[in-house]
Structures are given as C-alpha cells and as structure tokens.
Amino acid sequence: MMETKIKEVAKQALEKLPEDEAVEVLGFIHYLQWRREETDQSWFWTAEWQKCYREAKEDLAEDRFLNFDDVEDLLAELKN
C-alpha cells in the first residue's frame, strides 16, 4: 500500500534529522492536523457549541463584555 510506504519513508527521514529540525517537522505536522480540523467545522454545530454561541450572542447584546486597548490591559484584567 502506498500510504504505508510513504509513512515508513517519512519515519526514516525523521530519524536522520537533528533534534531541532525534527521539532520543526513536528510543528508542521501539528499545523496540518489543525488545518484539517478547522476546515471541518462540524464541531460548531454540536449542542454544546451552539449553547455557548447563543450565550455569547446574548452577552454581546446585553453589553456584558470588556474592551481592551492592548494585550497588557487584558492580561492585567485576567490577573484580577
């Protein structure tokens, strides 16, 4: 099977890389996994996410949110 051969070749190539380059490869693999998950947005239509989405919309409509001018202000608020 072609897929198995490709994975074996990739494993062999990964084993030959220095540790820091292997870390970069792993980061790219994580990116590819994330991108695949992001294109499938079926998670958004689950009951849990729809409940959270409705709550967030209600919070926005009722002005139950904070605005921050920069990240430092946001982090300061989170520490309180």
Protein backbone atom coordinates (compact mmCIF):
# COMPACT_ATOMS: atom_id res chain seq x y z
CA MET A 1 0.00 0.00 0.00
CA MET A 2 1.37 3.41 -0.99
CA GLU A 3 0.34 5.17 2.25
CA THR A 4 2.31 2.76 4.43
CA LYS A 5 5.41 3.16 2.26
CA ILE A 6 5.20 6.97 2.46
CA LYS A 7 4.85 6.86 6.24
CA GLU A 8 7.81 4.50 6.54
CA VAL A 9 9.96 6.75 4.34
CA ALA A 10 8.90 9.76 6.42
CA LYS A 11 9.79 7.93 9.65
CA GLN A 12 13.20 7.01 8.30
CA ALA A 13 13.87 10.59 7.18
CA LEU A 14 12.74 11.92 10.56
CA GLU A 15 15.10 9.59 12.40
CA LYS A 16 18.05 11.06 10.46
CA LEU A 17 17.24 14.67 11.34
CA PRO A 18 18.87 16.57 14.20
CA GLU A 19 16.53 17.11 17.16
CA ASP A 20 15.87 20.80 16.43
CA GLU A 21 14.86 20.06 12.83
CA ALA A 22 12.67 17.17 13.97
CA VAL A 23 10.87 19.62 16.26
CA GLU A 24 10.17 21.83 13.23
CA VAL A 25 8.74 18.85 11.36
CA LEU A 26 6.50 18.02 14.31
CA GLY A 27 5.30 21.62 14.41
CA PHE A 28 4.38 21.41 10.74
CA ILE A 29 2.52 18.14 11.32
CA HIS A 30 0.54 19.80 14.11
CA TYR A 31 -0.27 22.68 11.78
CA LEU A 32 -1.55 20.27 9.13
CA GLN A 33 -3.73 18.50 11.71
CA TRP A 34 -5.12 21.83 12.94
CA ARG A 35 -5.84 23.00 9.40
CA ARG A 36 -7.70 19.77 8.63
CA GLU A 37 -9.80 20.16 11.79
CA GLU A 38 -10.53 23.81 11.06
CA THR A 39 -11.89 23.05 7.58
CA ASP A 40 -14.31 20.58 9.16
CA GLN A 41 -16.48 22.83 11.27
CA SER A 42 -18.97 20.18 12.29
CA TRP A 43 -17.88 20.76 15.91
CA PHE A 44 -19.59 24.15 15.73
CA TRP A 45 -22.98 22.53 15.21
CA THR A 46 -22.82 20.33 18.30
CA ALA A 47 -25.33 21.08 21.06
CA GLU A 48 -22.57 22.24 23.42
CA TRP A 49 -21.08 24.74 20.97
CA GLN A 50 -24.49 26.04 19.90
CA LYS A 51 -25.37 26.66 23.56
CA CYS A 52 -22.10 28.57 24.06
CA TYR A 53 -22.68 30.54 20.86
CA ARG A 54 -26.18 31.59 21.97
CA GLU A 55 -24.81 32.65 25.37
CA ALA A 56 -22.06 34.69 23.72
CA LYS A 57 -24.57 36.42 21.45
CA GLU A 58 -26.73 37.24 24.48
CA ASP A 59 -23.71 38.64 26.31
CA LEU A 60 -22.89 40.89 23.35
CA ALA A 61 -26.49 42.07 23.04
CA GLU A 62 -26.59 42.91 26.77
CA ASP A 63 -23.17 44.66 26.76
CA ARG A 64 -21.69 42.02 29.07
CA PHE A 65 -18.15 42.22 27.74
CA LEU A 66 -14.98 44.25 28.15
CA ASN A 67 -12.88 46.01 25.53
CA PHE A 68 -9.13 46.36 25.87
CA ASP A 69 -6.78 48.74 24.11
CA ASP A 70 -3.91 46.29 24.23
CA VAL A 71 -2.86 42.86 25.41
CA GLU A 72 -1.22 44.21 28.56
CA ASP A 73 -4.55 45.62 29.76
CA LEU A 74 -6.25 42.32 29.03
CA LEU A 75 -3.60 40.38 30.96
CA ALA A 76 -3.88 42.80 33.89
CA GLU A 77 -7.65 42.21 33.99
CA LEU A 78 -7.19 38.45 33.90
CA LYS A 79 -4.86 38.64 36.91
CA ASN A 80 -7.56 40.39 38.98
